[in-house]
């Protein structure tokens, strides 16, 4: 499915602005090993902290936004989400948030999802996250009991997010990861406060006819996933 993220009204136009490739910014106490994903707004890196624990680090670049307002809005959304993320098992934990204005970016450190093959016993050279999208690609339709378990967990997590005045804006199978076998809503770079999300973002096929950026749109997207 193609990602949609464009709006002349808020200065976001990543279709013509691509994230930098090459050396990532310095992230204190983390060694960034390799880029494991990229999107409209930035890159996701596999990292190792000073304790030897593997983490995921997402870097959001200022240059992927045509002006300052949407970039700051994304950072503000992350500030709001950071404490909420650790208060529910169905949301990926944000462990650290920082910004590097000299490098023109901000970043956040997350718990790492299970490896697609080996779970938590991962090889950094071959790591691939286990997502619901990958699981469906391997197995097709899941048994009803498993659908219920995953669906109830995700619905509770989304309700918790909405309860705190935040929306996700891009619920889809590839944005649902497993951590120690538990399904979690991830790729929260597009999380925003209800009423503040003006840009047209989301993924074709998971956006309601009336458009994205509302609590109802999140519920519609989860319904499509289920």
C-alpha atoms as a PDB file:
ATOM      1  CA  UNK A   1       0.000   0.000   0.000  1.00  0.00           C
ATOM      2  CA  UNK A   2       1.235   3.469  -0.732  1.00  0.00           C
ATOM      3  CA  UNK A   3       1.669   6.038   2.021  1.00  0.00           C
ATOM      4  CA  UNK A   4      -0.069   9.395   1.687  1.00  0.00           C
ATOM      5  CA  UNK A   5       1.407  12.416   3.441  1.00  0.00           C
ATOM      6  CA  UNK A   6       0.782  15.728   1.753  1.00  0.00           C
ATOM      7  CA  UNK A   7      -0.856  19.016   2.597  1.00  0.00           C
ATOM      8  CA  UNK A   8      -0.200  22.454   1.166  1.00  0.00           C
ATOM      9  CA  UNK A   9      -2.058  23.968   4.102  1.00  0.00           C
ATOM     10  CA  UNK A  10       0.415  22.915   6.785  1.00  0.00           C
ATOM     11  CA  UNK A  11       3.696  23.000   4.937  1.00  0.00           C
ATOM     12  CA  UNK A  12       4.175  19.261   4.732  1.00  0.00           C
ATOM     13  CA  UNK A  13       5.235  17.989   1.338  1.00  0.00           C
ATOM     14  CA  UNK A  14       7.493  14.978   1.808  1.00  0.00           C
ATOM     15  CA  UNK A  15       6.781  13.761  -1.694  1.00  0.00           C
ATOM     16  CA  UNK A  16       9.488  16.132  -2.915  1.00  0.00           C
ATOM     17  CA  UNK A  17      11.614  16.099   0.242  1.00  0.00           C
ATOM     18  CA  UNK A  18      13.424  12.891   1.096  1.00  0.00           C
ATOM     19  CA  UNK A  19      15.253  12.100   4.327  1.00  0.00           C
ATOM     20  CA  UNK A  20      19.056  12.285   4.187  1.00  0.00           C
ATOM     21  CA  UNK A  21      20.970   9.081   3.632  1.00  0.00           C
ATOM     22  CA  UNK A  22      24.341   8.392   5.182  1.00  0.00           C
ATOM     23  CA  UNK A  23      25.596   8.988   8.713  1.00  0.00           C
ATOM     24  CA  UNK A  24      22.841   9.403  11.327  1.00  0.00           C
ATOM     25  CA  UNK A  25      23.025  12.076  14.051  1.00  0.00           C
ATOM     26  CA  UNK A  26      24.685  11.356  17.376  1.00  0.00           C
ATOM     27  CA  UNK A  27      22.312   9.751  19.890  1.00  0.00           C
ATOM     28  CA  UNK A  28      23.763   9.782  23.434  1.00  0.00           C
ATOM     29  CA  UNK A  29      24.635   6.355  24.865  1.00  0.00           C
ATOM     30  CA  UNK A  30      23.571   4.543  21.682  1.00  0.00           C
ATOM     31  CA  UNK A  31      25.503   3.088  18.777  1.00  0.00           C
ATOM     32  CA  UNK A  32      23.419   3.239  15.601  1.00  0.00           C
ATOM     33  CA  UNK A  33      24.236   0.054  13.700  1.00  0.00           C
ATOM     34  CA  UNK A  34      22.248   0.192  10.464  1.00  0.00           C
ATOM     35  CA  UNK A  35      19.151   1.689   8.905  1.00  0.00           C
ATOM     36  CA  UNK A  36      16.281  -0.808   9.032  1.00  0.00           C
ATOM     37  CA  UNK A  37      13.481   1.344   7.633  1.00  0.00           C
ATOM     38  CA  UNK A  38      12.592   4.701   6.137  1.00  0.00           C
ATOM     39  CA  UNK A  39       9.458   6.666   5.358  1.00  0.00           C
ATOM     40  CA  UNK A  40       8.203  10.078   4.362  1.00  0.00           C
ATOM     41  CA  UNK A  41       9.596  11.849   7.409  1.00  0.00           C
ATOM     42  CA  UNK A  42      12.748  10.011   8.461  1.00  0.00           C
ATOM     43  CA  UNK A  43      14.599   6.786   9.137  1.00  0.00           C
ATOM     44  CA  UNK A  44      14.535   3.972  11.683  1.00  0.00           C
ATOM     45  CA  UNK A  45      17.889   2.637  12.898  1.00  0.00           C
ATOM     46  CA  UNK A  46      18.817  -0.519  14.761  1.00  0.00           C
ATOM     47  CA  UNK A  47      20.840   0.647  17.770  1.00  0.00           C
ATOM     48  CA  UNK A  48      22.677  -0.801  20.758  1.00  0.00           C
ATOM     49  CA  UNK A  49      22.829   1.051  24.077  1.00  0.00           C
ATOM     50  CA  UNK A  50      25.684   1.103  26.616  1.00  0.00           C
ATOM     51  CA  UNK A  51      24.193  -1.952  28.346  1.00  0.00           C
ATOM     52  CA  UNK A  52      24.333  -3.925  25.112  1.00  0.00           C
ATOM     53  CA  UNK A  53      20.543  -3.904  24.690  1.00  0.00           C
ATOM     54  CA  UNK A  54      19.195  -3.502  21.170  1.00  0.00           C
ATOM     55  CA  UNK A  55      16.794  -0.649  20.541  1.00  0.00           C
ATOM     56  CA  UNK A  56      15.100   1.068  17.593  1.00  0.00           C
ATOM     57  CA  UNK A  57      15.826   4.757  17.003  1.00  0.00           C
ATOM     58  CA  UNK A  58      13.663   6.850  14.706  1.00  0.00           C
ATOM     59  CA  UNK A  59      15.132  10.082  13.336  1.00  0.00           C
ATOM     60  CA  UNK A  60      12.774  12.776  12.007  1.00  0.00           C
ATOM     61  CA  UNK A  61      14.444  15.352   9.745  1.00  0.00           C
ATOM     62  CA  UNK A  62      13.490  19.026   9.571  1.00  0.00           C
ATOM     63  CA  UNK A  63      14.255  19.144   5.836  1.00  0.00           C
ATOM     64  CA  UNK A  64      11.383  16.761   5.073  1.00  0.00           C
ATOM     65  CA  UNK A  65       8.995  19.593   6.035  1.00  0.00           C
ATOM     66  CA  UNK A  66       8.710  22.739   3.950  1.00  0.00           C
ATOM     67  CA  UNK A  67       8.336  24.953   7.032  1.00  0.00           C
ATOM     68  CA  UNK A  68       8.847  24.878  10.790  1.00  0.00           C
ATOM     69  CA  UNK A  69       5.241  24.517  11.980  1.00  0.00           C
ATOM     70  CA  UNK A  70       4.493  20.889  11.069  1.00  0.00           C
ATOM     71  CA  UNK A  71       7.970  19.800  12.205  1.00  0.00           C
ATOM     72  CA  UNK A  72       7.423  21.368  15.630  1.00  0.00           C
ATOM     73  CA  UNK A  73       3.914  19.918  15.750  1.00  0.00           C
ATOM     74  CA  UNK A  74       5.320  16.416  15.218  1.00  0.00           C
ATOM     75  CA  UNK A  75       7.856  17.004  18.000  1.00  0.00           C
ATOM     76  CA  UNK A  76       5.108  18.288  20.291  1.00  0.00           C
ATOM     77  CA  UNK A  77       3.023  15.196  19.531  1.00  0.00           C
ATOM     78  CA  UNK A  78       5.960  13.002  20.529  1.00  0.00           C
ATOM     79  CA  UNK A  79       6.377  14.951  23.787  1.00  0.00           C
ATOM     80  CA  UNK A  80       2.739  14.198  24.587  1.00  0.00           C
ATOM     81  CA  UNK A  81       2.973  10.545  23.581  1.00  0.00           C
ATOM     82  CA  UNK A  82       6.231   9.692  25.385  1.00  0.00           C
ATOM     83  CA  UNK A  83       4.756   9.279  28.908  1.00  0.00           C
ATOM     84  CA  UNK A  84       1.534   7.733  27.555  1.00  0.00           C
ATOM     85  CA  UNK A  85       3.479   5.076  25.621  1.00  0.00           C
ATOM     86  CA  UNK A  86       4.704   3.345  28.770  1.00  0.00           C
ATOM     87  CA  UNK A  87       1.311   3.290  30.458  1.00  0.00           C
ATOM     88  CA  UNK A  88      -0.224   0.584  28.252  1.00  0.00           C
ATOM     89  CA  UNK A  89       1.120  -2.803  27.135  1.00  0.00           C
ATOM     90  CA  UNK A  90      -0.358  -2.379  23.650  1.00  0.00           C
ATOM     91  CA  UNK A  91       1.721   0.707  22.782  1.00  0.00           C
ATOM     92  CA  UNK A  92       5.390   0.584  21.842  1.00  0.00           C
ATOM     93  CA  UNK A  93       7.475   2.072  24.663  1.00  0.00           C
ATOM     94  CA  UNK A  94       9.286   5.360  24.012  1.00  0.00           C
ATOM     95  CA  UNK A  95      12.389   5.301  26.208  1.00  0.00           C
ATOM     96  CA  UNK A  96      14.097   8.550  25.272  1.00  0.00           C
ATOM     97  CA  UNK A  97      13.363  11.640  23.155  1.00  0.00           C
ATOM     98  CA  UNK A  98      15.942  14.166  22.028  1.00  0.00           C
ATOM     99  CA  UNK A  99      16.641  16.731  19.369  1.00  0.00           C
ATOM    100  CA  UNK A 100      19.715  17.880  17.522  1.00  0.00           C
ATOM    101  CA  UNK A 101      19.010  21.297  16.049  1.00  0.00           C
ATOM    102  CA  UNK A 102      22.524  21.505  14.574  1.00  0.00           C
ATOM    103  CA  UNK A 103      21.805  18.353  12.565  1.00  0.00           C
ATOM    104  CA  UNK A 104      18.229  19.483  11.855  1.00  0.00           C
ATOM    105  CA  UNK A 105      16.397  16.578  13.442  1.00  0.00           C
ATOM    106  CA  UNK A 106      14.810  15.087  16.499  1.00  0.00           C
ATOM    107  CA  UNK A 107      14.838  11.419  17.464  1.00  0.00           C
ATOM    108  CA  UNK A 108      13.261   8.945  19.819  1.00  0.00           C
ATOM    109  CA  UNK A 109      14.488   5.634  21.190  1.00  0.00           C
ATOM    110  CA  UNK A 110      12.010   2.739  21.324  1.00  0.00           C
ATOM    111  CA  UNK A 111      11.921  -0.823  22.522  1.00  0.00           C
ATOM    112  CA  UNK A 112      12.814  -3.148  19.666  1.00  0.00           C
ATOM    113  CA  UNK A 113      10.276  -5.536  18.194  1.00  0.00           C
ATOM    114  CA  UNK A 114      10.884  -9.270  17.980  1.00  0.00           C
ATOM    115  CA  UNK A 115      12.920 -10.559  15.073  1.00  0.00           C
ATOM    116  CA  UNK A 116      10.754 -12.042  12.303  1.00  0.00           C
ATOM    117  CA  UNK A 117      12.465 -15.418  12.676  1.00  0.00           C
ATOM    118  CA  UNK A 118      14.282 -15.637  15.998  1.00  0.00           C
ATOM    119  CA  UNK A 119      12.146 -13.519  18.312  1.00  0.00           C
ATOM    120  CA  UNK A 120      14.239 -11.810  20.991  1.00  0.00           C
ATOM    121  CA  UNK A 121      17.366 -13.811  20.104  1.00  0.00           C
ATOM    122  CA  UNK A 122      18.382 -11.534  17.253  1.00  0.00           C
ATOM    123  CA  UNK A 123      21.364 -11.161  14.969  1.00  0.00           C
ATOM    124  CA  UNK A 124      21.876  -7.435  14.259  1.00  0.00           C
ATOM    125  CA  UNK A 125      23.213  -8.152  10.756  1.00  0.00           C
ATOM    126  CA  UNK A 126      19.988  -9.874   9.715  1.00  0.00           C
ATOM    127  CA  UNK A 127      17.351  -8.306  11.951  1.00  0.00           C
ATOM    128  CA  UNK A 128      13.878  -7.822  10.497  1.00  0.00           C
ATOM    129  CA  UNK A 129      10.974  -6.780  12.749  1.00  0.00           C
ATOM    130  CA  UNK A 130       8.072  -9.149  13.227  1.00  0.00           C
ATOM    131  CA  UNK A 131       4.964  -7.221  12.230  1.00  0.00           C
ATOM    132  CA  UNK A 132       1.349  -8.206  11.779  1.00  0.00           C
ATOM    133  CA  UNK A 133       1.805  -7.495   8.073  1.00  0.00           C
ATOM    134  CA  UNK A 134       4.648 -10.008   7.866  1.00  0.00           C
ATOM    135  CA  UNK A 135       2.676 -12.540   9.907  1.00  0.00           C
ATOM    136  CA  UNK A 136      -0.298 -12.262   7.562  1.00  0.00           C
ATOM    137  CA  UNK A 137       2.014 -12.567   4.574  1.00  0.00           C
ATOM    138  CA  UNK A 138       3.385 -15.821   5.953  1.00  0.00           C
ATOM    139  CA  UNK A 139       0.181 -17.382   7.258  1.00  0.00           C
ATOM    140  CA  UNK A 140      -2.711 -15.689   5.507  1.00  0.00           C
ATOM    141  CA  UNK A 141      -5.819 -15.443   7.672  1.00  0.00           C
ATOM    142  CA  UNK A 142      -5.249 -16.078  11.383  1.00  0.00           C
ATOM    143  CA  UNK A 143      -7.417 -18.380  13.517  1.00  0.00           C
ATOM    144  CA  UNK A 144     -10.367 -16.707  15.249  1.00  0.00           C
ATOM    145  CA  UNK A 145      -8.834 -17.136  18.718  1.00  0.00           C
ATOM    146  CA  UNK A 146      -5.659 -15.365  17.620  1.00  0.00           C
ATOM    147  CA  UNK A 147      -7.621 -12.616  15.864  1.00  0.00           C
ATOM    148  CA  UNK A 148      -9.573 -12.018  19.070  1.00  0.00           C
ATOM    149  CA  UNK A 149      -6.414 -11.821  21.176  1.00  0.00           C
ATOM    150  CA  UNK A 150      -4.685  -9.403  18.806  1.00  0.00           C
ATOM    151  CA  UNK A 151      -7.836  -7.382  18.135  1.00  0.00           C
ATOM    152  CA  UNK A 152      -8.720  -6.904  21.803  1.00  0.00           C
ATOM    153  CA  UNK A 153      -5.167  -5.867  22.637  1.00  0.00           C
ATOM    154  CA  UNK A 154      -5.010  -3.313  19.810  1.00  0.00           C
ATOM    155  CA  UNK A 155      -8.488  -1.930  20.494  1.00  0.00           C
ATOM    156  CA  UNK A 156      -7.603  -1.395  24.170  1.00  0.00           C
ATOM    157  CA  UNK A 157      -4.337   0.319  23.221  1.00  0.00           C
ATOM    158  CA  UNK A 158      -6.073   2.616  20.743  1.00  0.00           C
ATOM    159  CA  UNK A 159      -8.752   3.478  23.315  1.00  0.00           C
ATOM    160  CA  UNK A 160      -5.981   4.360  25.790  1.00  0.00           C
ATOM    161  CA  UNK A 161      -4.314   6.617  23.204  1.00  0.00           C
ATOM    162  CA  UNK A 162      -7.595   8.390  22.436  1.00  0.00           C
ATOM    163  CA  UNK A 163      -8.372   8.759  26.136  1.00  0.00           C
ATOM    164  CA  UNK A 164      -5.234  10.889  26.408  1.00  0.00           C
ATOM    165  CA  UNK A 165      -6.310  13.175  23.558  1.00  0.00           C
ATOM    166  CA  UNK A 166      -3.990  11.647  20.928  1.00  0.00           C
ATOM    167  CA  UNK A 167      -4.567   9.961  17.560  1.00  0.00           C
ATOM    168  CA  UNK A 168      -2.267   7.635  15.632  1.00  0.00           C
ATOM    169  CA  UNK A 169      -3.189   8.509  12.008  1.00  0.00           C
ATOM    170  CA  UNK A 170      -1.649   5.427  10.339  1.00  0.00           C
ATOM    171  CA  UNK A 171      -2.999   2.155  11.759  1.00  0.00           C
ATOM    172  CA  UNK A 172      -2.096  -0.704   9.390  1.00  0.00           C
ATOM    173  CA  UNK A 173      -0.633  -4.240   9.668  1.00  0.00           C
ATOM    174  CA  UNK A 174       2.966  -3.160   9.070  1.00  0.00           C
ATOM    175  CA  UNK A 175       2.689  -0.651  11.941  1.00  0.00           C
ATOM    176  CA  UNK A 176       1.798  -3.357  14.450  1.00  0.00           C
ATOM    177  CA  UNK A 177       4.865  -5.081  15.910  1.00  0.00           C
ATOM    178  CA  UNK A 178       5.306  -7.921  18.376  1.00  0.00           C
ATOM    179  CA  UNK A 179       7.467  -7.505  21.481  1.00  0.00           C
ATOM    180  CA  UNK A 180       7.936 -10.729  23.422  1.00  0.00           C
ATOM    181  CA  UNK A 181       4.947 -11.989  21.452  1.00  0.00           C
ATOM    182  CA  UNK A 182       2.679  -9.095  22.516  1.00  0.00           C
ATOM    183  CA  UNK A 183       1.112  -7.058  19.658  1.00  0.00           C
ATOM    184  CA  UNK A 184       1.828  -3.331  19.954  1.00  0.00           C
ATOM    185  CA  UNK A 185       0.869  -0.252  17.965  1.00  0.00           C
ATOM    186  CA  UNK A 186       4.113   1.159  16.589  1.00  0.00           C
ATOM    187  CA  UNK A 187       5.429   3.723  14.097  1.00  0.00           C
ATOM    188  CA  UNK A 188       4.054   6.505  16.220  1.00  0.00           C
ATOM    189  CA  UNK A 189       5.863   9.267  14.320  1.00  0.00           C
ATOM    190  CA  UNK A 190       2.509  10.559  13.084  1.00  0.00           C
ATOM    191  CA  UNK A 191       0.856  10.676  16.514  1.00  0.00           C
ATOM    192  CA  UNK A 192      -0.783  14.054  17.084  1.00  0.00           C
ATOM    193  CA  UNK A 193      -3.221  15.727  19.427  1.00  0.00           C
ATOM    194  CA  UNK A 194      -6.877  15.484  18.470  1.00  0.00           C
ATOM    195  CA  UNK A 195      -7.740  18.626  16.529  1.00  0.00           C
ATOM    196  CA  UNK A 196      -4.115  19.444  15.675  1.00  0.00           C
ATOM    197  CA  UNK A 197      -3.686  16.922  12.864  1.00  0.00           C
ATOM    198  CA  UNK A 198      -4.342  18.875   9.681  1.00  0.00           C
ATOM    199  CA  UNK A 199      -2.048  17.152   7.194  1.00  0.00           C
ATOM    200  CA  UNK A 200      -3.315  14.406   4.910  1.00  0.00           C
ATOM    201  CA  UNK A 201      -1.454  11.376   6.199  1.00  0.00           C
ATOM    202  CA  UNK A 202      -2.087   7.671   6.307  1.00  0.00           C
ATOM    203  CA  UNK A 203      -2.004   4.681   3.990  1.00  0.00           C
ATOM    204  CA  UNK A 204      -4.272   4.079   1.036  1.00  0.00           C
ATOM    205  CA  UNK A 205      -6.817   1.389   1.822  1.00  0.00           C
ATOM    206  CA  UNK A 206      -6.893   2.230   5.542  1.00  0.00           C
ATOM    207  CA  UNK A 207      -8.169   5.826   5.299  1.00  0.00           C
ATOM    208  CA  UNK A 208     -11.940   6.426   5.664  1.00  0.00           C
ATOM    209  CA  UNK A 209     -13.835   8.201   2.852  1.00  0.00           C
ATOM    210  CA  UNK A 210     -14.173  11.358   4.967  1.00  0.00           C
ATOM    211  CA  UNK A 211     -10.407  11.554   5.412  1.00  0.00           C
ATOM    212  CA  UNK A 212      -7.831  10.895   8.173  1.00  0.00           C
ATOM    213  CA  UNK A 213      -6.857  12.762  11.317  1.00  0.00           C
ATOM    214  CA  UNK A 214      -9.714  11.949  13.719  1.00  0.00           C
ATOM    215  CA  UNK A 215     -10.524   9.416  16.427  1.00  0.00           C
ATOM    216  CA  UNK A 216     -13.136   7.919  14.091  1.00  0.00           C
ATOM    217  CA  UNK A 217     -10.537   7.573  11.332  1.00  0.00           C
ATOM    218  CA  UNK A 218      -8.254   5.583  13.676  1.00  0.00           C
ATOM    219  CA  UNK A 219     -11.154   3.265  14.511  1.00  0.00           C
ATOM    220  CA  UNK A 220     -11.926   2.830  10.810  1.00  0.00           C
ATOM    221  CA  UNK A 221      -8.269   1.934  10.140  1.00  0.00           C
ATOM    222  CA  UNK A 222      -8.254  -0.622  12.965  1.00  0.00           C
ATOM    223  CA  UNK A 223     -11.474  -2.076  11.552  1.00  0.00           C
ATOM    224  CA  UNK A 224      -9.770  -2.492   8.166  1.00  0.00           C
ATOM    225  CA  UNK A 225      -6.836  -4.241   9.859  1.00  0.00           C
ATOM    226  CA  UNK A 226      -9.189  -6.642  11.617  1.00  0.00           C
END
